[in-house]
N, C-alpha and C. Protein backbone atom coordinates (compact mmCIF):
# COMPACT_ATOMS: atom_id res chain seq x y z
N UNK A 1 51.37 128.62 -85.43
CA UNK A 1 52.24 129.95 -86.40
C UNK A 1 50.68 130.99 -86.73
N UNK A 2 50.12 130.18 -87.12
CA UNK A 2 49.10 131.38 -87.44
C UNK A 2 48.44 131.92 -86.18
N UNK A 3 48.11 131.10 -85.06
CA UNK A 3 47.84 131.92 -84.21
C UNK A 3 49.07 132.82 -83.38
N UNK A 4 50.13 132.49 -83.45
CA UNK A 4 51.22 133.32 -82.97
C UNK A 4 51.03 134.61 -84.20
N UNK A 5 51.11 134.59 -85.12
CA UNK A 5 50.90 135.87 -86.29
C UNK A 5 49.35 136.49 -85.88
N UNK A 6 48.11 136.17 -85.46
CA UNK A 6 46.98 136.53 -85.51
C UNK A 6 47.29 137.40 -84.25
N UNK A 7 48.10 136.82 -83.07
CA UNK A 7 48.15 137.39 -81.93
C UNK A 7 49.08 139.11 -82.07
N UNK A 8 50.17 138.54 -82.16
CA UNK A 8 50.64 139.34 -82.72
C UNK A 8 50.07 140.95 -83.53
N UNK A 9 49.67 140.47 -84.51
CA UNK A 9 48.78 141.56 -85.61
C UNK A 9 47.96 142.11 -84.36
N UNK A 10 47.81 141.69 -83.74
CA UNK A 10 46.50 142.12 -82.97
C UNK A 10 47.62 143.16 -81.71
N UNK A 11 48.33 142.58 -81.18
CA UNK A 11 49.20 143.38 -80.19
C UNK A 11 49.73 144.62 -81.23
N UNK A 12 50.40 144.56 -81.77
CA UNK A 12 51.08 145.76 -82.87
C UNK A 12 50.05 146.89 -83.14
N UNK A 13 48.76 145.88 -83.36
CA UNK A 13 47.68 147.32 -83.99
C UNK A 13 47.83 147.60 -82.71
N UNK A 14 48.12 147.26 -81.21
CA UNK A 14 47.12 148.21 -80.38
C UNK A 14 48.42 148.87 -80.26
N UNK A 15 49.44 148.40 -80.37
CA UNK A 15 50.74 149.61 -79.74
C UNK A 15 50.89 150.87 -80.87
N UNK A 16 50.63 150.14 -82.08
CA UNK A 16 50.58 151.24 -83.35
C UNK A 16 49.81 152.50 -82.98
N UNK A 17 48.37 151.88 -82.66
CA UNK A 17 47.17 152.38 -82.09
C UNK A 17 47.68 153.93 -80.93
N UNK A 18 48.23 152.95 -80.25
CA UNK A 18 48.83 154.07 -78.76
C UNK A 18 50.11 155.01 -79.24
N UNK A 19 50.70 154.55 -80.70
CA UNK A 19 51.56 155.02 -80.35
C UNK A 19 51.20 156.83 -81.07
N UNK A 20 50.02 155.83 -81.84
CA UNK A 20 49.20 157.29 -82.82
C UNK A 20 48.41 158.12 -82.14
N UNK A 21 47.95 157.38 -80.60
CA UNK A 21 47.14 158.81 -80.02
C UNK A 21 48.33 159.85 -79.02
N UNK A 22 49.62 159.01 -78.35
CA UNK A 22 50.56 159.87 -77.96
C UNK A 22 50.65 160.83 -78.88
N UNK A 23 51.27 160.70 -80.61
CA UNK A 23 51.47 161.69 -81.26
C UNK A 23 50.27 162.92 -81.31
N UNK A 24 48.67 162.07 -81.55
CA UNK A 24 48.15 163.01 -81.42
C UNK A 24 47.77 164.18 -79.99
N UNK A 25 47.85 162.91 -79.35
CA UNK A 25 47.71 164.06 -77.99
C UNK A 25 49.05 164.95 -77.26
N UNK A 26 50.08 164.13 -77.31
CA UNK A 26 51.26 165.21 -76.56
C UNK A 26 52.00 165.18 -78.23
N UNK A 27 52.13 166.19 -78.96
CA UNK A 27 52.83 166.67 -80.12
C UNK A 27 54.35 166.69 -79.79
N UNK A 28 54.79 167.24 -78.58
CA UNK A 28 55.88 167.44 -78.21
C UNK A 28 56.79 165.77 -77.48
N UNK A 29 56.35 164.92 -78.05
CA UNK A 29 56.95 163.72 -77.24
C UNK A 29 57.87 163.22 -77.83
N UNK A 30 57.32 163.06 -79.48
CA UNK A 30 58.57 162.70 -80.37
C UNK A 30 59.19 163.89 -80.49
N UNK A 31 60.94 163.62 -80.49
CA UNK A 31 61.36 165.06 -81.19
C UNK A 31 62.10 163.78 -82.48
N UNK A 32 62.72 164.78 -83.77
CA UNK A 32 62.88 164.43 -84.61
C UNK A 32 64.09 164.26 -84.50
N UNK A 33 64.74 163.55 -84.68
CA UNK A 33 66.69 163.48 -85.05
C UNK A 33 66.99 164.13 -86.54
N UNK A 34 67.29 163.20 -87.30
CA UNK A 34 68.36 163.51 -88.69
C UNK A 34 66.69 164.25 -89.59
N UNK A 35 66.85 164.83 -90.65
CA UNK A 35 66.14 164.69 -91.78
C UNK A 35 65.96 164.35 -92.38
N UNK A 36 64.75 163.53 -92.92
CA UNK A 36 64.65 161.88 -93.89
C UNK A 36 63.63 163.15 -94.74
N UNK A 37 63.44 161.85 -95.86
CA UNK A 37 62.48 161.80 -97.02
C UNK A 37 61.06 162.59 -96.58
N UNK A 38 60.80 161.04 -95.98
CA UNK A 38 58.91 161.32 -95.70
C UNK A 38 59.25 162.20 -93.90
N UNK A 39 58.98 163.38 -94.15
CA UNK A 39 58.71 164.22 -93.18
C UNK A 39 57.61 164.99 -93.03
N UNK A 40 57.14 164.21 -91.92
CA UNK A 40 55.35 164.52 -91.72
C UNK A 40 55.36 165.67 -90.49
N UNK A 41 54.75 166.34 -90.01
CA UNK A 41 54.66 166.95 -89.06
C UNK A 41 53.77 165.43 -87.48
N UNK A 42 54.11 165.73 -86.60
CA UNK A 42 54.08 164.71 -85.68
C UNK A 42 52.43 164.66 -85.60
N UNK A 43 51.73 164.74 -85.76
CA UNK A 43 50.06 165.03 -86.17
C UNK A 43 49.74 163.87 -86.85
N UNK A 44 50.43 164.68 -88.17
CA UNK A 44 50.03 163.81 -89.43
C UNK A 44 50.37 162.11 -89.53
N UNK A 45 51.73 161.75 -88.40
CA UNK A 45 52.20 161.05 -88.41
C UNK A 45 50.99 159.57 -86.88
N UNK A 46 50.64 160.84 -86.15
CA UNK A 46 49.43 160.56 -85.25
C UNK A 46 48.45 159.78 -86.35
N UNK A 47 47.53 160.38 -86.74
CA UNK A 47 46.76 159.99 -87.16
C UNK A 47 46.83 158.53 -88.34
N UNK A 48 48.12 158.47 -89.05
CA UNK A 48 48.68 157.45 -89.51
C UNK A 48 48.83 156.13 -89.24
N UNK A 49 49.35 156.31 -88.02
CA UNK A 49 49.57 155.58 -86.46
C UNK A 49 48.58 154.90 -86.32
N UNK A 50 47.59 155.62 -86.23
CA UNK A 50 46.17 154.99 -85.29
C UNK A 50 45.23 154.21 -86.12
N UNK A 51 45.22 154.68 -87.40
CA UNK A 51 44.22 154.41 -88.69
C UNK A 51 44.99 152.85 -89.03
N UNK A 52 46.21 153.14 -88.98
CA UNK A 52 47.41 151.56 -89.73
C UNK A 52 47.21 150.56 -88.40
N UNK A 53 46.84 151.37 -86.88
CA UNK A 53 46.97 150.30 -85.80
C UNK A 53 45.67 149.98 -85.85
N UNK A 54 44.48 150.35 -85.97
CA UNK A 54 43.19 149.92 -86.03
C UNK A 54 42.95 148.77 -87.35
N UNK A 55 43.58 148.71 -88.47
CA UNK A 55 43.33 147.89 -89.51
C UNK A 55 44.30 146.84 -89.28
N UNK A 56 45.33 147.04 -88.75
CA UNK A 56 46.32 145.31 -88.29
C UNK A 56 45.40 144.88 -87.35
N UNK A 57 45.15 145.49 -86.33
CA UNK A 57 44.22 144.75 -85.28
C UNK A 57 43.40 143.92 -85.36
N UNK A 58 42.10 144.81 -86.98
CA UNK A 58 41.60 143.87 -87.18
C UNK A 58 41.72 142.94 -87.90
N UNK A 59 42.88 143.13 -88.86
CA UNK A 59 43.08 141.92 -89.53
C UNK A 59 43.18 140.93 -88.54
N UNK A 60 43.93 141.23 -87.31
CA UNK A 60 44.99 140.13 -86.55
C UNK A 60 43.35 139.26 -86.28
N UNK A 61 42.09 140.00 -85.89
CA UNK A 61 40.57 139.69 -85.04
C UNK A 61 40.43 138.34 -86.21
N UNK A 62 40.22 138.74 -87.57
CA UNK A 62 40.14 138.45 -88.86
C UNK A 62 40.74 136.97 -89.17
N UNK A 63 41.82 137.05 -88.71
CA UNK A 63 43.23 135.69 -88.77
C UNK A 63 42.54 135.05 -87.68
N UNK A 64 43.00 135.44 -86.47
CA UNK A 64 42.23 134.34 -85.51
C UNK A 64 40.94 134.34 -85.04
N UNK A 65 40.38 134.60 -86.41
CA UNK A 65 38.70 133.55 -86.47
C UNK A 65 38.63 132.78 -87.51
N UNK A 66 40.17 132.83 -88.20
CA UNK A 66 39.75 132.08 -89.10
C UNK A 66 40.10 132.58 -90.62
N UNK A 67 39.58 133.42 -90.93
CA UNK A 67 38.72 133.44 -92.63
C UNK A 67 40.31 134.05 -93.48
N UNK A 68 39.76 132.53 -94.29
CA UNK A 68 40.96 132.71 -95.82
C UNK A 68 41.40 134.39 -95.82
N UNK A 69 40.70 134.93 -96.23
CA UNK A 69 41.08 136.13 -96.98
C UNK A 69 42.01 136.97 -96.17
N UNK A 70 41.40 136.77 -94.74
CA UNK A 70 42.36 137.63 -93.93
C UNK A 70 44.24 137.39 -93.91
N UNK A 71 44.31 136.43 -93.89
CA UNK A 71 45.70 136.18 -94.40
C UNK A 71 46.46 136.85 -95.20
N UNK A 72 45.95 136.95 -96.60
CA UNK A 72 46.57 138.11 -97.77
C UNK A 72 46.29 139.96 -96.78
N UNK A 73 45.45 139.57 -96.18
CA UNK A 73 45.07 141.19 -95.80
C UNK A 73 46.09 141.33 -94.78
N UNK A 74 46.46 140.42 -93.92
CA UNK A 74 47.40 140.47 -92.70
C UNK A 74 48.87 140.54 -93.37
N UNK A 75 49.07 139.73 -94.59
CA UNK A 75 50.59 140.42 -94.97
C UNK A 75 50.82 141.82 -95.56
N UNK A 76 49.38 141.83 -96.19
CA UNK A 76 49.38 143.64 -96.74
C UNK A 76 49.91 144.82 -95.89
N UNK A 77 49.20 144.61 -94.69
CA UNK A 77 48.99 146.11 -93.49
C UNK A 77 50.52 145.71 -92.97
N UNK A 78 50.94 144.12 -92.65
CA UNK A 78 51.95 143.87 -92.11
C UNK A 78 53.30 144.92 -92.91
N UNK A 79 53.23 144.04 -94.12
CA UNK A 79 54.15 144.88 -94.80
C UNK A 79 54.00 146.56 -94.96
N UNK A 80 52.68 147.27 -94.75
CA UNK A 80 52.52 148.25 -94.68
C UNK A 80 53.03 149.19 -93.24
N UNK A 81 52.61 148.07 -92.14
CA UNK A 81 53.51 148.74 -91.13
C UNK A 81 54.58 148.30 -91.37
N UNK A 82 55.33 147.74 -91.41
CA UNK A 82 57.00 147.69 -91.59
C UNK A 82 57.55 149.08 -92.34
N UNK A 83 57.22 149.35 -93.67
CA UNK A 83 57.27 150.28 -94.28
C UNK A 83 56.75 151.76 -94.00
N UNK A 84 55.85 151.87 -93.09
CA UNK A 84 55.27 152.91 -92.49
C UNK A 84 56.63 153.29 -91.01
N UNK A 85 56.83 152.11 -90.07
CA UNK A 85 57.16 152.45 -89.00
C UNK A 85 58.83 152.77 -89.69
N UNK A 86 59.33 152.44 -90.52
CA UNK A 86 60.99 152.61 -91.27
C UNK A 86 60.86 154.46 -92.02
N UNK A 87 59.80 154.49 -92.20
CA UNK A 87 59.72 155.82 -92.09
C UNK A 87 59.60 156.94 -90.97
N UNK A 88 58.98 156.43 -89.99
CA UNK A 88 58.89 156.57 -88.45
C UNK A 88 60.36 156.79 -87.54
N UNK A 89 61.23 156.29 -88.32
CA UNK A 89 62.43 155.88 -87.88
C UNK A 89 63.00 156.74 -86.85
N UNK A 90 63.22 158.11 -87.89
CA UNK A 90 63.99 159.55 -87.40
C UNK A 90 63.24 160.00 -86.01
N UNK A 91 61.92 159.69 -85.80
CA UNK A 91 61.22 160.15 -85.04
C UNK A 91 61.09 159.18 -83.48
N UNK A 92 61.65 157.90 -83.72
CA UNK A 92 61.41 156.88 -82.47
C UNK A 92 62.17 155.25 -83.29
N UNK A 93 63.48 155.54 -82.99
CA UNK A 93 63.99 154.32 -83.74
C UNK A 93 64.05 153.05 -83.33
N UNK A 94 63.88 152.41 -82.23
CA UNK A 94 64.18 151.91 -81.34
C UNK A 94 62.67 151.34 -80.96
N UNK A 95 61.83 151.89 -81.02
CA UNK A 95 60.58 151.06 -81.35
C UNK A 95 60.26 151.02 -82.68
N UNK A 96 60.78 151.39 -83.61
CA UNK A 96 60.30 151.29 -84.74
C UNK A 96 61.15 150.18 -85.39
N UNK A 97 62.83 149.95 -84.61
CA UNK A 97 63.06 148.74 -85.49
C UNK A 97 62.17 147.61 -84.89
N UNK A 98 61.93 148.04 -83.84
CA UNK A 98 61.06 146.26 -82.77
C UNK A 98 59.77 145.97 -83.93
N UNK A 99 59.04 147.43 -83.97
CA UNK A 99 57.60 146.73 -84.78
C UNK A 99 57.85 146.36 -86.33
N UNK A 100 58.87 146.69 -86.72
CA UNK A 100 59.19 146.03 -87.97
C UNK A 100 59.80 144.93 -87.68
N UNK A 101 61.10 144.62 -86.91
CA UNK A 101 60.92 143.14 -86.94
C UNK A 101 59.63 142.17 -86.63
N UNK A 102 58.65 142.48 -85.76
CA UNK A 102 57.53 141.76 -85.42
C UNK A 102 56.89 141.92 -86.56
N UNK A 103 56.85 142.81 -87.62
CA UNK A 103 55.96 143.01 -88.69
C UNK A 103 56.60 141.71 -89.43
N UNK A 104 57.77 141.68 -89.78
CA UNK A 104 58.31 140.87 -90.70
C UNK A 104 57.72 139.42 -90.11
N UNK A 105 58.02 138.71 -88.80
CA UNK A 105 58.17 137.51 -88.61
C UNK A 105 56.69 137.31 -88.61
N UNK A 106 55.32 138.39 -88.65
CA UNK A 106 54.19 138.01 -88.31
C UNK A 106 53.75 137.66 -90.06
N UNK A 107 55.07 138.62 -91.19
CA UNK A 107 54.74 138.02 -92.75
C UNK A 107 55.34 137.12 -92.70
N UNK A 108 56.38 135.83 -91.91
CA UNK A 108 56.97 134.78 -92.27
C UNK A 108 55.83 134.04 -91.84
N UNK A 109 55.35 134.44 -90.59
CA UNK A 109 54.03 133.56 -89.89
C UNK A 109 53.01 133.46 -91.15
N UNK A 110 52.77 134.02 -91.45
CA UNK A 110 51.62 133.79 -92.09
C UNK A 110 51.92 133.44 -94.02
N UNK A 111 52.95 134.14 -94.36
CA UNK A 111 52.66 132.90 -95.77
C UNK A 111 53.55 131.44 -95.29
N UNK A 112 54.51 131.05 -94.10
CA UNK A 112 54.60 129.89 -94.56
C UNK A 112 54.03 128.83 -93.93
N UNK A 113 53.07 129.39 -93.29
CA UNK A 113 52.41 128.23 -92.05
C UNK A 113 50.83 129.07 -92.27
N UNK A 114 50.74 129.73 -92.73
CA UNK A 114 49.21 130.38 -93.18
C UNK A 114 48.06 129.49 -92.92
N UNK A 115 48.07 127.96 -93.37
CA UNK A 115 47.02 126.89 -93.43
C UNK A 115 46.84 126.37 -91.91
N UNK A 116 47.32 126.80 -90.88
CA UNK A 116 46.88 126.47 -89.89
C UNK A 116 45.28 126.28 -89.04
N UNK A 117 44.92 127.53 -89.52
CA UNK A 117 43.50 128.32 -88.98
C UNK A 117 42.80 128.33 -89.99
N UNK A 118 42.19 127.49 -90.41
CA UNK A 118 40.62 128.05 -91.78
C UNK A 118 39.57 127.75 -91.22
N UNK A 119 38.53 128.28 -91.79
CA UNK A 119 37.41 127.85 -91.20
C UNK A 119 36.21 127.11 -92.21
């Protein structure tokens, strides 16, 4: 399960970074629906997703190598990713919901089955 979590962290990080690049390069791609509390412009969301995606993927690599501290970091970045994607829901609701579900699975896998891979 830890290998699953590490792989999913890398994949989520990659997808999140790509989502950030799309928001940075083509800010008319995403259209905001309803007004929510966390309303940033698309360029700001692009930088948030790009930086967060790199951090999530890096945590996944360190979990994959077997670093014990990386499990805690993986849980933290997956939690932060879920919160950011919740705030991102007005821009891309289906994709945000999918990433939230994957983040929850990663948190579960790292907290319940975190001792599978250790160095």
